[in-house]
Amino acid sequence: MRALPKNIQDSIVGLKSFYWCFEIVLISGDKLFLTSLDRVVNLNGMIYKPSSGLNVSEGIFNNSAQDNITLDGMYDNEGIERYADLTDAKVKISIVMESSPYYLVTYYCTLYTKHDLHFTMFLEPESVKYNQTIVNVFSKSCRTKFGDEKCKIDKKIYSQDYTVTKMNVRSIEVSNILQEAGFYRGVFCKSRL
């Protein structure tokens, strides 16, 4: 696990209090300045609001470029509202210890999960954008990607809406399936729950 800089580690030892400051830039360009503290904070001339109770619940830093941070928060009209879409939001995180701010990271929200009254943001570094093949993958007979503007196939023909009726740890049940039994066997979903 990658360690924080030595001066920050030394500062944390015996530390009685610290808080987080979050600068969130939405895809729309709107900016939110929020803090984990229960009062307004003026940091470097910027006002951070205590709205949404935003807090770091987990952070993983390693040398394998798999760093990530999980933030939890509550919906709030003065902070992050229920209708907001935080996917791909840019989040700058600073930690403030005894009135001294330390910029930690700027990560991007790659997974935004809405719950009843609260939400979870899964943040990863910008380098995850580059963890893709640089060569386009096409079939031998077609030089387009399925469903893109050059593709002549109507995706609606191959699409179907289903209603989920039951979810288990390893499977889901849906209604109104038009395909024969076993059609989806072996298909796995990589989304995080």
N, C-alpha and C. Protein backbone atom coordinates (compact mmCIF):
# COMPACT_ATOMS: atom_id res chain seq x y z
N MET A 1 0.84 -1.17 0.00
CA MET A 1 0.00 0.00 0.00
C MET A 1 0.89 1.24 0.00
N ARG A 2 0.57 2.19 -0.86
CA ARG A 2 1.34 3.41 -0.95
C ARG A 2 1.05 4.28 0.27
N ALA A 3 2.06 4.81 0.89
CA ALA A 3 1.89 5.60 2.10
C ALA A 3 1.73 7.08 1.77
N LEU A 4 1.10 7.80 2.68
CA LEU A 4 1.03 9.25 2.56
C LEU A 4 2.43 9.81 2.79
N PRO A 5 2.70 11.04 2.32
CA PRO A 5 4.02 11.63 2.55
C PRO A 5 4.37 11.65 4.04
N LYS A 6 5.65 11.55 4.33
CA LYS A 6 6.15 11.43 5.71
C LYS A 6 5.64 12.58 6.60
N ASN A 7 5.65 13.80 6.09
CA ASN A 7 5.19 14.93 6.92
C ASN A 7 3.71 14.81 7.29
N ILE A 8 2.90 14.21 6.39
CA ILE A 8 1.47 14.02 6.68
C ILE A 8 1.31 12.89 7.69
N GLN A 9 2.06 11.81 7.52
CA GLN A 9 2.01 10.70 8.48
C GLN A 9 2.36 11.20 9.87
N ASP A 10 3.43 12.00 9.98
CA ASP A 10 3.84 12.54 11.28
C ASP A 10 2.76 13.43 11.87
N SER A 11 2.06 14.18 11.01
CA SER A 11 1.00 15.08 11.50
C SER A 11 -0.20 14.30 12.02
N ILE A 12 -0.48 13.14 11.42
CA ILE A 12 -1.66 12.36 11.80
C ILE A 12 -1.47 11.70 13.16
N VAL A 13 -0.23 11.34 13.49
CA VAL A 13 0.04 10.68 14.77
C VAL A 13 -0.36 11.62 15.90
N GLY A 14 -1.24 11.18 16.75
CA GLY A 14 -1.71 11.98 17.88
C GLY A 14 -2.73 13.04 17.50
N LEU A 15 -3.15 13.05 16.26
CA LEU A 15 -4.11 14.03 15.79
C LEU A 15 -5.49 13.77 16.40
N LYS A 16 -6.09 14.82 16.93
CA LYS A 16 -7.40 14.67 17.56
C LYS A 16 -8.53 14.91 16.59
N SER A 17 -8.29 15.74 15.58
CA SER A 17 -9.38 16.00 14.64
C SER A 17 -8.83 16.37 13.27
N PHE A 18 -9.62 16.04 12.28
CA PHE A 18 -9.36 16.44 10.91
C PHE A 18 -10.70 16.40 10.19
N TYR A 19 -10.76 17.01 9.02
CA TYR A 19 -11.96 16.95 8.21
C TYR A 19 -11.58 16.99 6.74
N TRP A 20 -12.56 16.65 5.91
CA TRP A 20 -12.36 16.59 4.47
C TRP A 20 -13.00 17.79 3.79
N CYS A 21 -12.40 18.24 2.69
CA CYS A 21 -13.01 19.23 1.82
C CYS A 21 -13.06 18.64 0.41
N PHE A 22 -14.20 18.79 -0.24
CA PHE A 22 -14.43 18.20 -1.55
C PHE A 22 -14.84 19.28 -2.54
N GLU A 23 -14.11 19.37 -3.63
CA GLU A 23 -14.50 20.23 -4.74
C GLU A 23 -14.98 19.29 -5.84
N ILE A 24 -16.27 19.34 -6.15
CA ILE A 24 -16.87 18.43 -7.12
C ILE A 24 -17.28 19.21 -8.36
N VAL A 25 -16.73 18.81 -9.50
CA VAL A 25 -17.09 19.45 -10.77
C VAL A 25 -17.94 18.45 -11.55
N LEU A 26 -19.20 18.79 -11.76
CA LEU A 26 -20.12 17.92 -12.48
C LEU A 26 -19.86 18.01 -13.98
N ILE A 27 -20.36 17.04 -14.73
CA ILE A 27 -20.23 17.03 -16.18
C ILE A 27 -20.78 18.32 -16.79
N SER A 28 -21.82 18.87 -16.18
CA SER A 28 -22.44 20.11 -16.67
C SER A 28 -21.54 21.33 -16.46
N GLY A 29 -20.48 21.17 -15.66
CA GLY A 29 -19.59 22.28 -15.35
C GLY A 29 -19.89 22.93 -14.01
N ASP A 30 -21.04 22.60 -13.43
CA ASP A 30 -21.39 23.14 -12.11
C ASP A 30 -20.40 22.63 -11.07
N LYS A 31 -20.10 23.49 -10.10
CA LYS A 31 -19.16 23.11 -9.04
C LYS A 31 -19.85 23.10 -7.69
N LEU A 32 -19.51 22.12 -6.88
CA LEU A 32 -19.99 22.02 -5.51
C LEU A 32 -18.78 22.02 -4.59
N PHE A 33 -18.86 22.79 -3.52
CA PHE A 33 -17.79 22.82 -2.52
C PHE A 33 -18.41 22.35 -1.21
N LEU A 34 -18.04 21.14 -0.79
CA LEU A 34 -18.64 20.51 0.38
C LEU A 34 -17.56 20.08 1.36
N THR A 35 -17.95 19.98 2.63
CA THR A 35 -17.02 19.55 3.67
C THR A 35 -17.67 18.49 4.55
N SER A 36 -16.85 17.69 5.19
CA SER A 36 -17.37 16.69 6.12
C SER A 36 -17.64 17.30 7.49
N LEU A 37 -17.17 18.51 7.70
CA LEU A 37 -17.37 19.21 8.97
C LEU A 37 -18.84 19.64 9.09
N ASP A 38 -19.31 19.89 10.30
CA ASP A 38 -20.71 20.27 10.50
C ASP A 38 -20.94 21.78 10.46
N ARG A 39 -19.99 22.50 9.91
CA ARG A 39 -20.14 23.95 9.77
C ARG A 39 -19.46 24.41 8.49
N VAL A 40 -19.76 25.64 8.07
CA VAL A 40 -19.16 26.22 6.87
C VAL A 40 -17.66 26.41 7.09
N VAL A 41 -16.87 26.12 6.05
CA VAL A 41 -15.41 26.26 6.12
C VAL A 41 -14.96 27.19 5.01
N ASN A 42 -14.08 28.14 5.36
CA ASN A 42 -13.45 29.01 4.37
C ASN A 42 -12.02 28.50 4.21
N LEU A 43 -11.74 27.91 3.04
CA LEU A 43 -10.43 27.33 2.79
C LEU A 43 -9.86 27.97 1.52
N ASN A 44 -8.77 28.70 1.68
CA ASN A 44 -8.12 29.37 0.55
C ASN A 44 -9.09 30.24 -0.24
N GLY A 45 -9.97 30.92 0.47
CA GLY A 45 -10.92 31.82 -0.17
C GLY A 45 -12.17 31.16 -0.73
N MET A 46 -12.28 29.86 -0.62
CA MET A 46 -13.47 29.14 -1.10
C MET A 46 -14.32 28.74 0.09
N ILE A 47 -15.63 28.84 -0.06
CA ILE A 47 -16.56 28.48 0.99
C ILE A 47 -17.05 27.05 0.76
N TYR A 48 -16.80 26.16 1.71
CA TYR A 48 -17.22 24.77 1.65
C TYR A 48 -18.40 24.59 2.60
N LYS A 49 -19.50 24.05 2.08
CA LYS A 49 -20.72 23.88 2.87
C LYS A 49 -20.75 22.51 3.54
N PRO A 50 -21.39 22.42 4.70
CA PRO A 50 -21.50 21.13 5.40
C PRO A 50 -22.63 20.25 4.87
N SER A 51 -23.24 20.64 3.78
CA SER A 51 -24.37 19.92 3.22
C SER A 51 -23.97 18.54 2.72
N SER A 52 -24.91 17.61 2.73
CA SER A 52 -24.80 16.24 2.21
C SER A 52 -23.97 15.30 3.07
N GLY A 53 -23.38 15.79 4.17
CA GLY A 53 -22.65 14.92 5.08
C GLY A 53 -21.62 14.04 4.37
N LEU A 54 -21.00 14.57 3.34
CA LEU A 54 -20.06 13.81 2.53
C LEU A 54 -18.85 13.41 3.35
N ASN A 55 -18.43 12.13 3.21
CA ASN A 55 -17.31 11.62 3.99
C ASN A 55 -16.60 10.50 3.23
N VAL A 56 -15.31 10.36 3.47
CA VAL A 56 -14.53 9.26 2.89
C VAL A 56 -14.78 8.02 3.74
N SER A 57 -15.34 6.98 3.13
CA SER A 57 -15.58 5.76 3.89
C SER A 57 -14.49 4.73 3.67
N GLU A 58 -13.78 4.82 2.52
CA GLU A 58 -12.71 3.87 2.26
C GLU A 58 -11.77 4.46 1.21
N GLY A 59 -10.49 4.16 1.37
CA GLY A 59 -9.49 4.57 0.38
C GLY A 59 -8.45 3.48 0.23
N ILE A 60 -8.17 3.11 -1.00
CA ILE A 60 -7.16 2.09 -1.26
C ILE A 60 -6.12 2.70 -2.19
N PHE A 61 -4.87 2.68 -1.75
CA PHE A 61 -3.76 3.20 -2.54
C PHE A 61 -2.69 2.12 -2.62
N ASN A 62 -2.38 1.70 -3.83
CA ASN A 62 -1.34 0.69 -3.98
C ASN A 62 -0.46 1.03 -5.17
N ASN A 63 0.54 0.23 -5.40
CA ASN A 63 1.46 0.50 -6.48
C ASN A 63 1.05 -0.17 -7.78
N SER A 64 -0.14 -0.71 -7.85
CA SER A 64 -0.61 -1.40 -9.05
C SER A 64 -1.60 -0.55 -9.84
N ALA A 65 -1.66 0.73 -9.56
CA ALA A 65 -2.57 1.66 -10.25
C ALA A 65 -4.03 1.26 -10.09
N GLN A 66 -4.37 0.68 -8.96
CA GLN A 66 -5.75 0.31 -8.69
C GLN A 66 -6.31 1.16 -7.56
N ASP A 67 -5.79 2.35 -7.41
CA ASP A 67 -6.23 3.25 -6.35
C ASP A 67 -7.71 3.55 -6.50
N ASN A 68 -8.40 3.69 -5.38
CA ASN A 68 -9.79 4.11 -5.41
C ASN A 68 -10.20 4.65 -4.05
N ILE A 69 -11.22 5.45 -4.06
CA ILE A 69 -11.77 6.04 -2.85
C ILE A 69 -13.29 5.91 -2.92
N THR A 70 -13.90 5.58 -1.80
CA THR A 70 -15.36 5.51 -1.73
C THR A 70 -15.85 6.63 -0.83
N LEU A 71 -16.79 7.42 -1.34
CA LEU A 71 -17.42 8.49 -0.58
C LEU A 71 -18.87 8.13 -0.31
N ASP A 72 -19.34 8.47 0.87
CA ASP A 72 -20.75 8.30 1.21
C ASP A 72 -21.33 9.66 1.56
N GLY A 73 -22.60 9.84 1.26
CA GLY A 73 -23.25 11.10 1.58
C GLY A 73 -24.76 10.95 1.62
N MET A 74 -25.42 12.01 2.05
CA MET A 74 -26.88 12.06 2.15
C MET A 74 -27.37 13.12 1.17
N TYR A 75 -28.53 12.89 0.58
CA TYR A 75 -29.10 13.89 -0.31
C TYR A 75 -29.51 15.11 0.50
N ASP A 76 -29.27 16.29 -0.08
CA ASP A 76 -29.54 17.54 0.62
C ASP A 76 -29.78 18.62 -0.43
N ASN A 77 -30.79 19.44 -0.23
CA ASN A 77 -31.10 20.52 -1.18
C ASN A 77 -29.99 21.56 -1.28
N GLU A 78 -29.18 21.70 -0.26
CA GLU A 78 -28.08 22.67 -0.26
C GLU A 78 -26.78 22.06 -0.77
N GLY A 79 -26.78 20.75 -0.99
CA GLY A 79 -25.56 20.07 -1.43
C GLY A 79 -25.84 19.24 -2.67
N ILE A 80 -25.79 17.93 -2.52
CA ILE A 80 -26.04 17.02 -3.63
C ILE A 80 -27.51 16.61 -3.57
N GLU A 81 -28.23 17.02 -4.61
CA GLU A 81 -29.67 16.76 -4.65
C GLU A 81 -29.96 15.39 -5.27
N ARG A 82 -31.11 14.89 -4.98
CA ARG A 82 -31.51 13.54 -5.40
C ARG A 82 -31.45 13.33 -6.91
N TYR A 83 -31.75 14.35 -7.69
CA TYR A 83 -31.77 14.21 -9.15
C TYR A 83 -30.38 14.33 -9.77
N ALA A 84 -29.38 14.72 -9.00
CA ALA A 84 -28.03 14.94 -9.54
C ALA A 84 -27.44 13.64 -10.07
N ASP A 85 -26.70 13.75 -11.16
CA ASP A 85 -25.96 12.61 -11.69
C ASP A 85 -24.48 12.89 -11.50
N LEU A 86 -23.86 12.15 -10.63
CA LEU A 86 -22.46 12.38 -10.30
C LEU A 86 -21.50 11.51 -11.11
N THR A 87 -22.03 10.70 -12.00
CA THR A 87 -21.17 9.86 -12.82
C THR A 87 -20.22 10.74 -13.62
N ASP A 88 -18.96 10.39 -13.65
CA ASP A 88 -17.89 11.11 -14.35
C ASP A 88 -17.57 12.47 -13.73
N ALA A 89 -18.12 12.77 -12.56
CA ALA A 89 -17.77 14.02 -11.88
C ALA A 89 -16.30 13.98 -11.46
N LYS A 90 -15.66 15.13 -11.50
CA LYS A 90 -14.27 15.27 -11.08
C LYS A 90 -14.28 15.72 -9.62
N VAL A 91 -13.60 14.97 -8.74
CA VAL A 91 -13.66 15.25 -7.31
C VAL A 91 -12.24 15.50 -6.78
N LYS A 92 -12.02 16.72 -6.32
CA LYS A 92 -10.73 17.09 -5.70
C LYS A 92 -10.91 16.96 -4.19
N ILE A 93 -10.06 16.17 -3.55
CA ILE A 93 -10.20 15.90 -2.12
C ILE A 93 -8.99 16.48 -1.38
N SER A 94 -9.30 17.23 -0.33
CA SER A 94 -8.26 17.75 0.56
C SER A 94 -8.58 17.33 1.98
N ILE A 95 -7.55 17.12 2.77
CA ILE A 95 -7.73 16.81 4.19
C ILE A 95 -7.19 18.01 4.96
N VAL A 96 -7.94 18.45 5.96
CA VAL A 96 -7.53 19.60 6.76
C VAL A 96 -7.25 19.11 8.18
N MET A 97 -6.00 19.30 8.60
CA MET A 97 -5.57 18.86 9.93
C MET A 97 -5.10 20.08 10.71
N GLU A 98 -5.75 20.33 11.82
CA GLU A 98 -5.39 21.46 12.68
C GLU A 98 -5.23 22.73 11.85
N SER A 99 -6.23 23.01 11.01
CA SER A 99 -6.31 24.20 10.16
C SER A 99 -5.31 24.23 9.02
N SER A 100 -4.55 23.17 8.80
CA SER A 100 -3.60 23.13 7.68
C SER A 100 -4.14 22.19 6.61
N PRO A 101 -4.47 22.74 5.43
CA PRO A 101 -5.00 21.88 4.37
C PRO A 101 -3.88 21.13 3.65
N TYR A 102 -4.20 19.91 3.23
CA TYR A 102 -3.29 19.11 2.42
C TYR A 102 -4.10 18.52 1.28
N TYR A 103 -3.71 18.88 0.05
CA TYR A 103 -4.39 18.35 -1.13
C TYR A 103 -4.03 16.87 -1.24
N LEU A 104 -5.03 16.00 -1.31
CA LEU A 104 -4.80 14.57 -1.38
C LEU A 104 -4.79 14.08 -2.83
N VAL A 105 -5.93 14.12 -3.52
CA VAL A 105 -6.04 13.62 -4.88
C VAL A 105 -7.17 14.31 -5.64
N THR A 106 -7.15 14.15 -6.96
CA THR A 106 -8.29 14.48 -7.81
C THR A 106 -8.64 13.21 -8.56
N TYR A 107 -9.81 12.67 -8.28
CA TYR A 107 -10.26 11.42 -8.88
C TYR A 107 -11.58 11.66 -9.60
N TYR A 108 -12.02 10.66 -10.35
CA TYR A 108 -13.24 10.74 -11.12
C TYR A 108 -14.24 9.69 -10.64
N CYS A 109 -15.50 10.07 -10.60
CA CYS A 109 -16.55 9.16 -10.16
C CYS A 109 -16.85 8.18 -11.29
N THR A 110 -16.50 6.92 -11.08
CA THR A 110 -16.73 5.89 -12.09
C THR A 110 -17.97 5.06 -11.79
N LEU A 111 -18.47 5.17 -10.57
CA LEU A 111 -19.70 4.46 -10.19
C LEU A 111 -20.44 5.30 -9.16
N TYR A 112 -21.68 5.63 -9.47
CA TYR A 112 -22.52 6.43 -8.59
C TYR A 112 -23.76 5.60 -8.26
N THR A 113 -23.92 5.25 -6.99
CA THR A 113 -25.01 4.38 -6.57
C THR A 113 -25.98 5.18 -5.70
N LYS A 114 -27.24 5.22 -6.12
CA LYS A 114 -28.28 5.92 -5.37
C LYS A 114 -28.98 4.92 -4.47
N HIS A 115 -29.17 5.30 -3.22
CA HIS A 115 -29.94 4.52 -2.26
C HIS A 115 -31.16 5.37 -1.89
N ASP A 116 -31.94 4.96 -0.92
CA ASP A 116 -33.14 5.73 -0.56
C ASP A 116 -32.83 7.18 -0.21
N LEU A 117 -32.10 7.38 0.86
CA LEU A 117 -31.80 8.74 1.32
C LEU A 117 -30.33 9.11 1.18
N HIS A 118 -29.51 8.16 0.79
CA HIS A 118 -28.09 8.43 0.69
C HIS A 118 -27.52 7.86 -0.62
N PHE A 119 -26.26 8.13 -0.86
CA PHE A 119 -25.61 7.70 -2.09
C PHE A 119 -24.17 7.31 -1.79
N THR A 120 -23.57 6.60 -2.76
CA THR A 120 -22.17 6.21 -2.67
C THR A 120 -21.50 6.58 -3.98
N MET A 121 -20.31 7.15 -3.87
CA MET A 121 -19.52 7.48 -5.05
C MET A 121 -18.23 6.65 -5.01
N PHE A 122 -17.94 5.96 -6.10
CA PHE A 122 -16.71 5.20 -6.21
C PHE A 122 -15.80 6.00 -7.12
N LEU A 123 -14.66 6.42 -6.61
CA LEU A 123 -13.75 7.30 -7.33
C LEU A 123 -12.47 6.57 -7.73
N GLU A 124 -12.00 6.85 -8.93
CA GLU A 124 -10.76 6.27 -9.42
C GLU A 124 -9.94 7.36 -10.12
N PRO A 125 -8.63 7.15 -10.23
CA PRO A 125 -7.80 8.14 -10.91
C PRO A 125 -8.10 8.21 -12.40
N GLU A 126 -7.68 9.29 -13.03
CA GLU A 126 -7.93 9.47 -14.46
C GLU A 126 -7.28 8.38 -15.30
N SER A 127 -6.28 7.72 -14.75
CA SER A 127 -5.59 6.67 -15.51
C SER A 127 -6.51 5.51 -15.89
N VAL A 128 -7.66 5.34 -15.20
CA VAL A 128 -8.57 4.25 -15.57
C VAL A 128 -9.13 4.47 -16.97
N LYS A 129 -9.16 5.73 -17.41
CA LYS A 129 -9.65 6.02 -18.76
C LYS A 129 -8.73 5.40 -19.82
N TYR A 130 -7.46 5.24 -19.46
CA TYR A 130 -6.48 4.74 -20.43
C TYR A 130 -6.31 3.23 -20.36
N ASN A 131 -7.05 2.59 -19.51
CA ASN A 131 -6.97 1.13 -19.37
C ASN A 131 -7.88 0.48 -20.41
N GLN A 132 -7.66 0.83 -21.66
CA GLN A 132 -8.46 0.33 -22.77
C GLN A 132 -7.52 -0.01 -23.91
N THR A 133 -8.00 -0.80 -24.83
CA THR A 133 -7.20 -1.08 -26.01
C THR A 133 -7.14 0.16 -26.88
N ILE A 134 -5.98 0.41 -27.49
CA ILE A 134 -5.86 1.60 -28.35
C ILE A 134 -6.21 1.28 -29.79
N VAL A 135 -6.42 0.00 -30.08
CA VAL A 135 -6.79 -0.43 -31.41
C VAL A 135 -8.29 -0.75 -31.42
N ASN A 136 -9.00 -0.27 -32.42
CA ASN A 136 -10.42 -0.60 -32.54
C ASN A 136 -10.58 -2.07 -32.83
N VAL A 137 -11.53 -2.68 -32.18
CA VAL A 137 -11.79 -4.10 -32.38
C VAL A 137 -13.02 -4.24 -33.28
N PHE A 138 -12.80 -4.76 -34.48
CA PHE A 138 -13.88 -4.96 -35.43
C PHE A 138 -13.95 -6.44 -35.79
N SER A 139 -15.06 -6.84 -36.37
CA SER A 139 -15.16 -8.22 -36.88
C SER A 139 -14.49 -8.27 -38.25
N LYS A 140 -14.33 -9.45 -38.81
CA LYS A 140 -13.69 -9.62 -40.12
C LYS A 140 -14.53 -9.04 -41.24
N SER A 141 -15.83 -9.03 -41.07
CA SER A 141 -16.72 -8.61 -42.17
C SER A 141 -17.33 -7.21 -41.96
N CYS A 142 -17.08 -6.59 -40.81
CA CYS A 142 -17.71 -5.29 -40.52
C CYS A 142 -16.69 -4.36 -39.87
N ARG A 143 -16.61 -3.12 -40.34
CA ARG A 143 -15.64 -2.16 -39.83
C ARG A 143 -16.30 -1.09 -38.95
N THR A 144 -17.39 -1.42 -38.29
CA THR A 144 -18.04 -0.49 -37.37
C THR A 144 -18.24 -1.17 -36.02
N LYS A 145 -18.57 -0.38 -35.02
CA LYS A 145 -18.92 -0.92 -33.72
C LYS A 145 -20.44 -1.06 -33.67
N PHE A 146 -20.90 -2.12 -33.04
CA PHE A 146 -22.33 -2.40 -33.00
C PHE A 146 -23.11 -1.23 -32.42
N GLY A 147 -24.05 -0.72 -33.18
CA GLY A 147 -24.94 0.33 -32.72
C GLY A 147 -24.43 1.74 -32.92
N ASP A 148 -23.18 1.94 -33.41
CA ASP A 148 -22.72 3.31 -33.59
C ASP A 148 -23.34 3.94 -34.84
N GLU A 149 -23.02 5.19 -35.12
CA GLU A 149 -23.68 5.91 -36.21
C GLU A 149 -23.40 5.30 -37.59
N LYS A 150 -22.32 4.55 -37.75
CA LYS A 150 -22.01 3.92 -39.03
C LYS A 150 -22.65 2.54 -39.18
N CYS A 151 -23.12 2.00 -38.10
CA CYS A 151 -23.70 0.65 -38.10
C CYS A 151 -25.09 0.68 -38.75
N LYS A 152 -25.36 -0.27 -39.60
CA LYS A 152 -26.66 -0.32 -40.30
C LYS A 152 -27.70 -1.15 -39.54
N ILE A 153 -27.30 -1.76 -38.42
CA ILE A 153 -28.21 -2.61 -37.65
C ILE A 153 -28.95 -1.77 -36.62
N ASP A 154 -30.24 -1.95 -36.53
CA ASP A 154 -31.07 -1.26 -35.55
C ASP A 154 -30.97 -2.00 -34.21
N LYS A 155 -30.37 -1.36 -33.20
CA LYS A 155 -30.20 -2.00 -31.90
C LYS A 155 -31.54 -2.36 -31.26
N LYS A 156 -32.59 -1.66 -31.60
CA LYS A 156 -33.90 -1.93 -31.01
C LYS A 156 -34.38 -3.34 -31.33
N ILE A 157 -33.96 -3.85 -32.47
CA ILE A 157 -34.35 -5.21 -32.85
C ILE A 157 -33.77 -6.22 -31.87
N TYR A 158 -32.59 -5.92 -31.34
CA TYR A 158 -31.90 -6.84 -30.45
C TYR A 158 -32.00 -6.43 -28.98
N SER A 159 -32.89 -5.49 -28.68
CA SER A 159 -33.06 -5.00 -27.31
C SER A 159 -34.40 -5.44 -26.76
N GLN A 160 -34.45 -5.62 -25.47
CA GLN A 160 -35.70 -6.01 -24.81
C GLN A 160 -35.69 -5.46 -23.39
N ASP A 161 -36.77 -4.88 -22.95
CA ASP A 161 -36.91 -4.43 -21.56
C ASP A 161 -37.51 -5.56 -20.75
N TYR A 162 -36.93 -5.80 -19.58
CA TYR A 162 -37.42 -6.84 -18.69
C TYR A 162 -37.71 -6.24 -17.33
N THR A 163 -38.58 -6.88 -16.57
CA THR A 163 -38.86 -6.49 -15.20
C THR A 163 -38.19 -7.50 -14.28
N VAL A 164 -37.34 -7.01 -13.39
CA VAL A 164 -36.66 -7.89 -12.44
C VAL A 164 -37.67 -8.26 -11.36
N THR A 165 -37.89 -9.56 -11.16
CA THR A 165 -38.86 -10.01 -10.17
C THR A 165 -38.19 -10.52 -8.89
N LYS A 166 -36.94 -10.96 -8.99
CA LYS A 166 -36.25 -11.49 -7.82
C LYS A 166 -34.74 -11.40 -8.05
N MET A 167 -34.00 -11.03 -6.99
CA MET A 167 -32.54 -10.98 -7.07
C MET A 167 -31.95 -11.82 -5.97
N ASN A 168 -31.01 -12.66 -6.32
CA ASN A 168 -30.23 -13.44 -5.37
C ASN A 168 -28.78 -12.99 -5.46
N VAL A 169 -27.93 -13.57 -4.64
CA VAL A 169 -26.52 -13.21 -4.65
C VAL A 169 -25.89 -13.49 -6.01
N ARG A 170 -26.22 -14.60 -6.63
CA ARG A 170 -25.58 -15.01 -7.87
C ARG A 170 -26.49 -15.02 -9.09
N SER A 171 -27.75 -14.63 -8.94
CA SER A 171 -28.65 -14.68 -10.09
C SER A 171 -29.79 -13.68 -9.94
N ILE A 172 -30.46 -13.44 -11.05
CA ILE A 172 -31.67 -12.61 -11.04
C ILE A 172 -32.75 -13.34 -11.81
N GLU A 173 -34.00 -13.05 -11.47
CA GLU A 173 -35.14 -13.58 -12.21
C GLU A 173 -35.88 -12.40 -12.82
N VAL A 174 -36.25 -12.57 -14.10
CA VAL A 174 -36.97 -11.51 -14.80
C VAL A 174 -38.22 -12.08 -15.43
N SER A 175 -39.17 -11.20 -15.72
CA SER A 175 -40.41 -11.65 -16.36
C SER A 175 -40.38 -11.26 -17.84
N ASN A 176 -41.23 -11.87 -18.62
CA ASN A 176 -41.43 -11.56 -20.04
C ASN A 176 -40.23 -11.87 -20.93
N ILE A 177 -39.47 -12.91 -20.62
CA ILE A 177 -38.34 -13.27 -21.46
C ILE A 177 -38.87 -13.90 -22.75
N LEU A 178 -38.38 -13.42 -23.88
CA LEU A 178 -38.81 -13.93 -25.17
C LEU A 178 -37.87 -15.04 -25.68
N GLN A 179 -36.64 -15.09 -25.15
CA GLN A 179 -35.68 -16.09 -25.60
C GLN A 179 -35.94 -17.44 -24.93
N GLU A 180 -35.41 -18.48 -25.55
CA GLU A 180 -35.57 -19.82 -25.01
C GLU A 180 -34.80 -19.98 -23.71
N ALA A 181 -35.17 -20.95 -22.90
CA ALA A 181 -34.52 -21.21 -21.62
C ALA A 181 -33.02 -21.46 -21.85
N GLY A 182 -32.18 -20.83 -21.04
CA GLY A 182 -30.74 -21.01 -21.14
C GLY A 182 -30.04 -20.02 -22.06
N PHE A 183 -30.80 -19.14 -22.73
CA PHE A 183 -30.22 -18.19 -23.68
C PHE A 183 -29.16 -17.30 -23.02
N TYR A 184 -29.42 -16.86 -21.78
CA TYR A 184 -28.50 -15.95 -21.09
C TYR A 184 -27.53 -16.68 -20.16
N ARG A 185 -27.54 -17.98 -20.14
CA ARG A 185 -26.67 -18.74 -19.24
C ARG A 185 -25.22 -18.40 -19.53
N GLY A 186 -24.45 -18.14 -18.47
CA GLY A 186 -23.03 -17.85 -18.63
C GLY A 186 -22.73 -16.39 -18.88
N VAL A 187 -23.75 -15.53 -18.95
CA VAL A 187 -23.53 -14.10 -19.11
C VAL A 187 -23.39 -13.49 -17.73
N PHE A 188 -22.31 -12.75 -17.51
CA PHE A 188 -22.05 -12.19 -16.20
C PHE A 188 -22.09 -10.67 -16.26
N CYS A 189 -22.58 -10.08 -15.21
CA CYS A 189 -22.63 -8.62 -15.08
C CYS A 189 -21.45 -8.20 -14.23
N LYS A 190 -20.70 -7.18 -14.69
CA LYS A 190 -19.53 -6.73 -13.95
C LYS A 190 -19.81 -5.52 -13.07
N SER A 191 -21.05 -5.11 -12.97
CA SER A 191 -21.36 -3.93 -12.17
C SER A 191 -21.24 -4.26 -10.69
N ARG A 192 -20.93 -3.22 -9.92
CA ARG A 192 -20.83 -3.37 -8.46
C ARG A 192 -22.19 -3.11 -7.84
N LEU A 193 -22.56 -3.90 -6.85
CA LEU A 193 -23.84 -3.67 -6.18
C LEU A 193 -23.62 -2.92 -4.91
